[in-house]
PDB file of N, CA and C in Angstrom:
ATOM      1  N   MET A   1     -16.704 -22.227 -29.197  1.00  0.00           N
ATOM      2  CA  MET A   1     -16.310 -22.767 -30.481  1.00  0.00           C
ATOM      3  C   MET A   1     -15.385 -21.796 -31.215  1.00  0.00           C
ATOM      4  N   ARG A   2     -15.667 -20.520 -31.144  1.00  0.00           N
ATOM      5  CA  ARG A   2     -14.828 -19.545 -31.831  1.00  0.00           C
ATOM      6  C   ARG A   2     -13.438 -19.482 -31.224  1.00  0.00           C
ATOM      7  N   VAL A   3     -13.355 -19.603 -29.906  1.00  0.00           N
ATOM      8  CA  VAL A   3     -12.052 -19.545 -29.244  1.00  0.00           C
ATOM      9  C   VAL A   3     -11.233 -20.776 -29.613  1.00  0.00           C
ATOM     10  N   THR A   4     -11.884 -21.921 -29.696  1.00  0.00           N
ATOM     11  CA  THR A   4     -11.193 -23.151 -30.079  1.00  0.00           C
ATOM     12  C   THR A   4     -10.673 -23.040 -31.508  1.00  0.00           C
ATOM     13  N   GLN A   5     -11.474 -22.480 -32.392  1.00  0.00           N
ATOM     14  CA  GLN A   5     -11.030 -22.284 -33.778  1.00  0.00           C
ATOM     15  C   GLN A   5      -9.875 -21.296 -33.837  1.00  0.00           C
ATOM     16  N   ALA A   6      -9.922 -20.266 -33.018  1.00  0.00           N
ATOM     17  CA  ALA A   6      -8.824 -19.299 -32.968  1.00  0.00           C
ATOM     18  C   ALA A   6      -7.532 -19.972 -32.501  1.00  0.00           C
ATOM     19  N   ALA A   7      -7.642 -20.907 -31.559  1.00  0.00           N
ATOM     20  CA  ALA A   7      -6.466 -21.656 -31.092  1.00  0.00           C
ATOM     21  C   ALA A   7      -5.895 -22.504 -32.227  1.00  0.00           C
ATOM     22  N   ARG A   8      -6.769 -23.154 -32.988  1.00  0.00           N
ATOM     23  CA  ARG A   8      -6.310 -23.949 -34.134  1.00  0.00           C
ATOM     24  C   ARG A   8      -5.603 -23.071 -35.166  1.00  0.00           C
ATOM     25  N   ASN A   9      -6.197 -21.908 -35.431  1.00  0.00           N
ATOM     26  CA  ASN A   9      -5.590 -20.987 -36.397  1.00  0.00           C
ATOM     27  C   ASN A   9      -4.223 -20.507 -35.920  1.00  0.00           C
ATOM     28  N   LEU A  10      -4.095 -20.238 -34.636  1.00  0.00           N
ATOM     29  CA  LEU A  10      -2.816 -19.816 -34.077  1.00  0.00           C
ATOM     30  C   LEU A  10      -1.756 -20.889 -34.285  1.00  0.00           C
ATOM     31  N   LEU A  11      -2.108 -22.127 -34.000  1.00  0.00           N
ATOM     32  CA  LEU A  11      -1.147 -23.215 -34.157  1.00  0.00           C
ATOM     33  C   LEU A  11      -0.772 -23.428 -35.617  1.00  0.00           C
ATOM     34  N   MET A  12      -1.723 -23.224 -36.518  1.00  0.00           N
ATOM     35  CA  MET A  12      -1.396 -23.336 -37.942  1.00  0.00           C
ATOM     36  C   MET A  12      -0.449 -22.225 -38.359  1.00  0.00           C
ATOM     37  N   ASP A  13      -0.639 -21.020 -37.818  1.00  0.00           N
ATOM     38  CA  ASP A  13       0.250 -19.904 -38.151  1.00  0.00           C
ATOM     39  C   ASP A  13       1.653 -20.114 -37.586  1.00  0.00           C
ATOM     40  N   LEU A  14       1.735 -20.725 -36.409  1.00  0.00           N
ATOM     41  CA  LEU A  14       3.030 -20.970 -35.793  1.00  0.00           C
ATOM     42  C   LEU A  14       3.806 -22.058 -36.518  1.00  0.00           C
ATOM     43  N   ASP A  15       3.090 -22.991 -37.102  1.00  0.00           N
ATOM     44  CA  ASP A  15       3.637 -24.081 -37.904  1.00  0.00           C
ATOM     45  C   ASP A  15       4.831 -24.752 -37.241  1.00  0.00           C
ATOM     46  N   GLU A  16       6.024 -24.593 -37.765  1.00  0.00           N
ATOM     47  CA  GLU A  16       7.176 -25.318 -37.214  1.00  0.00           C
ATOM     48  C   GLU A  16       7.728 -24.671 -35.948  1.00  0.00           C
ATOM     49  N   HIS A  17       7.227 -23.512 -35.564  1.00  0.00           N
ATOM     50  CA  HIS A  17       7.716 -22.838 -34.353  1.00  0.00           C
ATOM     51  C   HIS A  17       6.953 -23.267 -33.093  1.00  0.00           C
ATOM     52  N   VAL A  18       5.933 -24.079 -33.246  1.00  0.00           N
ATOM     53  CA  VAL A  18       5.095 -24.452 -32.098  1.00  0.00           C
ATOM     54  C   VAL A  18       5.876 -25.233 -31.043  1.00  0.00           C
ATOM     55  N   GLU A  19       6.920 -25.932 -31.442  1.00  0.00           N
ATOM     56  CA  GLU A  19       7.690 -26.706 -30.461  1.00  0.00           C
ATOM     57  C   GLU A  19       8.485 -25.814 -29.511  1.00  0.00           C
ATOM     58  N   ARG A  20       8.575 -24.533 -29.798  1.00  0.00           N
ATOM     59  CA  ARG A  20       9.258 -23.599 -28.901  1.00  0.00           C
ATOM     60  C   ARG A  20       8.413 -23.276 -27.665  1.00  0.00           C
ATOM     61  N   PHE A  21       7.128 -23.585 -27.714  1.00  0.00           N
ATOM     62  CA  PHE A  21       6.215 -23.255 -26.619  1.00  0.00           C
ATOM     63  C   PHE A  21       5.952 -24.477 -25.749  1.00  0.00           C
ATOM     64  N   ARG A  22       5.995 -24.284 -24.433  1.00  0.00           N
ATOM     65  CA  ARG A  22       5.738 -25.378 -23.498  1.00  0.00           C
ATOM     66  C   ARG A  22       4.442 -25.187 -22.726  1.00  0.00           C
ATOM     67  N   PHE A  23       4.057 -23.916 -22.495  1.00  0.00           N
ATOM     68  CA  PHE A  23       2.904 -23.629 -21.660  1.00  0.00           C
ATOM     69  C   PHE A  23       1.996 -22.600 -22.317  1.00  0.00           C
ATOM     70  N   MET A  24       0.688 -22.759 -22.048  1.00  0.00           N
ATOM     71  CA  MET A  24      -0.318 -21.770 -22.439  1.00  0.00           C
ATOM     72  C   MET A  24      -0.991 -21.344 -21.146  1.00  0.00           C
ATOM     73  N   ILE A  25      -0.762 -20.120 -20.719  1.00  0.00           N
ATOM     74  CA  ILE A  25      -1.352 -19.627 -19.475  1.00  0.00           C
ATOM     75  C   ILE A  25      -2.614 -18.863 -19.841  1.00  0.00           C
ATOM     76  N   ARG A  26      -3.718 -19.248 -19.201  1.00  0.00           N
ATOM     77  CA  ARG A  26      -5.003 -18.625 -19.518  1.00  0.00           C
ATOM     78  C   ARG A  26      -5.792 -18.382 -18.245  1.00  0.00           C
ATOM     79  N   ASP A  27      -6.836 -17.578 -18.361  1.00  0.00           N
ATOM     80  CA  ASP A  27      -7.681 -17.334 -17.198  1.00  0.00           C
ATOM     81  C   ASP A  27      -8.782 -18.386 -17.130  1.00  0.00           C
ATOM     82  N   ARG A  28      -9.670 -18.239 -16.182  1.00  0.00           N
ATOM     83  CA  ARG A  28     -10.707 -19.244 -15.945  1.00  0.00           C
ATOM     84  C   ARG A  28     -12.054 -18.887 -16.585  1.00  0.00           C
ATOM     85  N   ASP A  29     -12.034 -18.107 -17.637  1.00  0.00           N
ATOM     86  CA  ASP A  29     -13.258 -17.726 -18.325  1.00  0.00           C
ATOM     87  C   ASP A  29     -13.930 -18.967 -18.911  1.00  0.00           C
ATOM     88  N   THR A  30     -15.248 -18.954 -18.948  1.00  0.00           N
ATOM     89  CA  THR A  30     -15.997 -20.120 -19.429  1.00  0.00           C
ATOM     90  C   THR A  30     -15.862 -20.337 -20.934  1.00  0.00           C
ATOM     91  N   LYS A  31     -15.377 -19.339 -21.664  1.00  0.00           N
ATOM     92  CA  LYS A  31     -15.206 -19.534 -23.107  1.00  0.00           C
ATOM     93  C   LYS A  31     -14.051 -20.478 -23.422  1.00  0.00           C
ATOM     94  N   PHE A  32     -13.151 -20.699 -22.460  1.00  0.00           N
ATOM     95  CA  PHE A  32     -12.050 -21.637 -22.647  1.00  0.00           C
ATOM     96  C   PHE A  32     -12.501 -23.020 -22.176  1.00  0.00           C
ATOM     97  N   THR A  33     -12.971 -23.819 -23.102  1.00  0.00           N
ATOM     98  CA  THR A  33     -13.511 -25.133 -22.778  1.00  0.00           C
ATOM     99  C   THR A  33     -12.406 -26.190 -22.816  1.00  0.00           C
ATOM    100  N   SER A  34     -12.794 -27.410 -22.520  1.00  0.00           N
ATOM    101  CA  SER A  34     -11.822 -28.512 -22.584  1.00  0.00           C
ATOM    102  C   SER A  34     -11.350 -28.741 -24.018  1.00  0.00           C
ATOM    103  N   ALA A  35     -12.174 -28.403 -24.996  1.00  0.00           N
ATOM    104  CA  ALA A  35     -11.754 -28.514 -26.403  1.00  0.00           C
ATOM    105  C   ALA A  35     -10.620 -27.544 -26.705  1.00  0.00           C
ATOM    106  N   PHE A  36     -10.655 -26.359 -26.105  1.00  0.00           N
ATOM    107  CA  PHE A  36      -9.581 -25.383 -26.256  1.00  0.00           C
ATOM    108  C   PHE A  36      -8.279 -25.952 -25.712  1.00  0.00           C
ATOM    109  N   ASP A  37      -8.350 -26.534 -24.512  1.00  0.00           N
ATOM    110  CA  ASP A  37      -7.166 -27.141 -23.896  1.00  0.00           C
ATOM    111  C   ASP A  37      -6.648 -28.314 -24.733  1.00  0.00           C
ATOM    112  N   ALA A  38      -7.563 -29.077 -25.318  1.00  0.00           N
ATOM    113  CA  ALA A  38      -7.180 -30.250 -26.100  1.00  0.00           C
ATOM    114  C   ALA A  38      -6.405 -29.866 -27.359  1.00  0.00           C
ATOM    115  N   VAL A  39      -6.712 -28.711 -27.935  1.00  0.00           N
ATOM    116  CA  VAL A  39      -5.995 -28.254 -29.126  1.00  0.00           C
ATOM    117  C   VAL A  39      -4.516 -28.086 -28.798  1.00  0.00           C
ATOM    118  N   PHE A  40      -4.230 -27.487 -27.657  1.00  0.00           N
ATOM    119  CA  PHE A  40      -2.830 -27.281 -27.265  1.00  0.00           C
ATOM    120  C   PHE A  40      -2.187 -28.569 -26.774  1.00  0.00           C
ATOM    121  N   ALA A  41      -2.950 -29.402 -26.099  1.00  0.00           N
ATOM    122  CA  ALA A  41      -2.409 -30.672 -25.612  1.00  0.00           C
ATOM    123  C   ALA A  41      -1.996 -31.571 -26.782  1.00  0.00           C
ATOM    124  N   ALA A  42      -2.699 -31.463 -27.887  1.00  0.00           N
ATOM    125  CA  ALA A  42      -2.395 -32.296 -29.055  1.00  0.00           C
ATOM    126  C   ALA A  42      -1.008 -32.010 -29.629  1.00  0.00           C
ATOM    127  N   VAL A  43      -0.506 -30.806 -29.408  1.00  0.00           N
ATOM    128  CA  VAL A  43       0.823 -30.462 -29.922  1.00  0.00           C
ATOM    129  C   VAL A  43       1.867 -30.404 -28.806  1.00  0.00           C
ATOM    130  N   GLY A  44       1.480 -30.841 -27.600  1.00  0.00           N
ATOM    131  CA  GLY A  44       2.430 -30.929 -26.502  1.00  0.00           C
ATOM    132  C   GLY A  44       2.574 -29.680 -25.661  1.00  0.00           C
ATOM    133  N   VAL A  45       1.630 -28.759 -25.761  1.00  0.00           N
ATOM    134  CA  VAL A  45       1.657 -27.537 -24.964  1.00  0.00           C
ATOM    135  C   VAL A  45       0.725 -27.721 -23.773  1.00  0.00           C
ATOM    136  N   GLU A  46       1.262 -27.526 -22.576  1.00  0.00           N
ATOM    137  CA  GLU A  46       0.467 -27.695 -21.353  1.00  0.00           C
ATOM    138  C   GLU A  46      -0.304 -26.413 -21.059  1.00  0.00           C
ATOM    139  N   THR A  47      -1.606 -26.527 -20.804  1.00  0.00           N
ATOM    140  CA  THR A  47      -2.444 -25.385 -20.485  1.00  0.00           C
ATOM    141  C   THR A  47      -2.504 -25.218 -18.978  1.00  0.00           C
ATOM    142  N   ILE A  48      -2.199 -24.016 -18.516  1.00  0.00           N
ATOM    143  CA  ILE A  48      -2.212 -23.704 -17.091  1.00  0.00           C
ATOM    144  C   ILE A  48      -3.237 -22.611 -16.838  1.00  0.00           C
ATOM    145  N   LYS A  49      -4.136 -22.860 -15.889  1.00  0.00           N
ATOM    146  CA  LYS A  49      -5.124 -21.853 -15.510  1.00  0.00           C
ATOM    147  C   LYS A  49      -4.533 -20.971 -14.417  1.00  0.00           C
ATOM    148  N   ASN A  50      -4.739 -19.649 -14.547  1.00  0.00           N
ATOM    149  CA  ASN A  50      -4.240 -18.765 -13.508  1.00  0.00           C
ATOM    150  C   ASN A  50      -5.119 -18.877 -12.258  1.00  0.00           C
ATOM    151  N   THR A  51      -4.681 -18.284 -11.188  1.00  0.00           N
ATOM    152  CA  THR A  51      -5.421 -18.388  -9.932  1.00  0.00           C
ATOM    153  C   THR A  51      -6.747 -17.654 -10.031  1.00  0.00           C
ATOM    154  N   ALA A  52      -7.682 -18.092  -9.217  1.00  0.00           N
ATOM    155  CA  ALA A  52      -8.999 -17.460  -9.185  1.00  0.00           C
ATOM    156  C   ALA A  52      -8.883 -16.048  -8.636  1.00  0.00           C
ATOM    157  N   ALA A  53      -9.695 -15.163  -9.165  1.00  0.00           N
ATOM    158  CA  ALA A  53      -9.669 -13.771  -8.717  1.00  0.00           C
ATOM    159  C   ALA A  53     -10.273 -13.640  -7.326  1.00  0.00           C
ATOM    160  N   CYS A  54      -9.723 -12.734  -6.570  1.00  0.00           N
ATOM    161  CA  CYS A  54     -10.214 -12.467  -5.222  1.00  0.00           C
ATOM    162  C   CYS A  54     -10.471 -10.970  -5.126  1.00  0.00           C
ATOM    163  N   ALA A  55     -11.715 -10.587  -5.034  1.00  0.00           N
ATOM    164  CA  ALA A  55     -12.067  -9.167  -5.021  1.00  0.00           C
ATOM    165  C   ALA A  55     -11.390  -8.422  -3.875  1.00  0.00           C
ATOM    166  N   ALA A  56     -11.298  -9.030  -2.708  1.00  0.00           N
ATOM    167  CA  ALA A  56     -10.665  -8.371  -1.571  1.00  0.00           C
ATOM    168  C   ALA A  56      -9.166  -8.205  -1.794  1.00  0.00           C
ATOM    169  N   GLY A  57      -8.559  -9.103  -2.523  1.00  0.00           N
ATOM    170  CA  GLY A  57      -7.129  -9.034  -2.779  1.00  0.00           C
ATOM    171  C   GLY A  57      -6.747  -7.967  -3.785  1.00  0.00           C
ATOM    172  N   HIS A  58      -7.669  -7.569  -4.652  1.00  0.00           N
ATOM    173  CA  HIS A  58      -7.372  -6.564  -5.653  1.00  0.00           C
ATOM    174  C   HIS A  58      -7.045  -5.213  -5.019  1.00  0.00           C
ATOM    175  N   ALA A  59      -7.714  -4.883  -3.933  1.00  0.00           N
ATOM    176  CA  ALA A  59      -7.456  -3.605  -3.267  1.00  0.00           C
ATOM    177  C   ALA A  59      -6.013  -3.514  -2.781  1.00  0.00           C
ATOM    178  N   TYR A  60      -5.487  -4.600  -2.284  1.00  0.00           N
ATOM    179  CA  TYR A  60      -4.104  -4.609  -1.813  1.00  0.00           C
ATOM    180  C   TYR A  60      -3.115  -4.604  -2.973  1.00  0.00           C
ATOM    181  N   ALA A  61      -3.425  -5.300  -4.029  1.00  0.00           N
ATOM    182  CA  ALA A  61      -2.526  -5.387  -5.173  1.00  0.00           C
ATOM    183  C   ALA A  61      -2.417  -4.055  -5.906  1.00  0.00           C
ATOM    184  N   GLU A  62      -3.482  -3.262  -5.909  1.00  0.00           N
ATOM    185  CA  GLU A  62      -3.473  -2.010  -6.653  1.00  0.00           C
ATOM    186  C   GLU A  62      -2.774  -0.893  -5.903  1.00  0.00           C
ATOM    187  N   ARG A  63      -2.550  -1.069  -4.618  1.00  0.00           N
ATOM    188  CA  ARG A  63      -1.910   0.014  -3.839  1.00  0.00           C
ATOM    189  C   ARG A  63      -0.460  -0.036  -3.904  1.00  0.00           C
TER     190      ARG A  63
END
């Protein structure tokens, strides 16, 4: 609920500049609910989830 409210507050702060944004890229944390996505969808911003983390892949990426 707090994250969804934070999304609403962000959009209110952006006001007339919100049309400059097309995508919201976020991770797959459980705090980002469908209500969070709906806030951005209501103003025409598409929410994209990043790829799932792979513990074995992190070792290669960090080297």
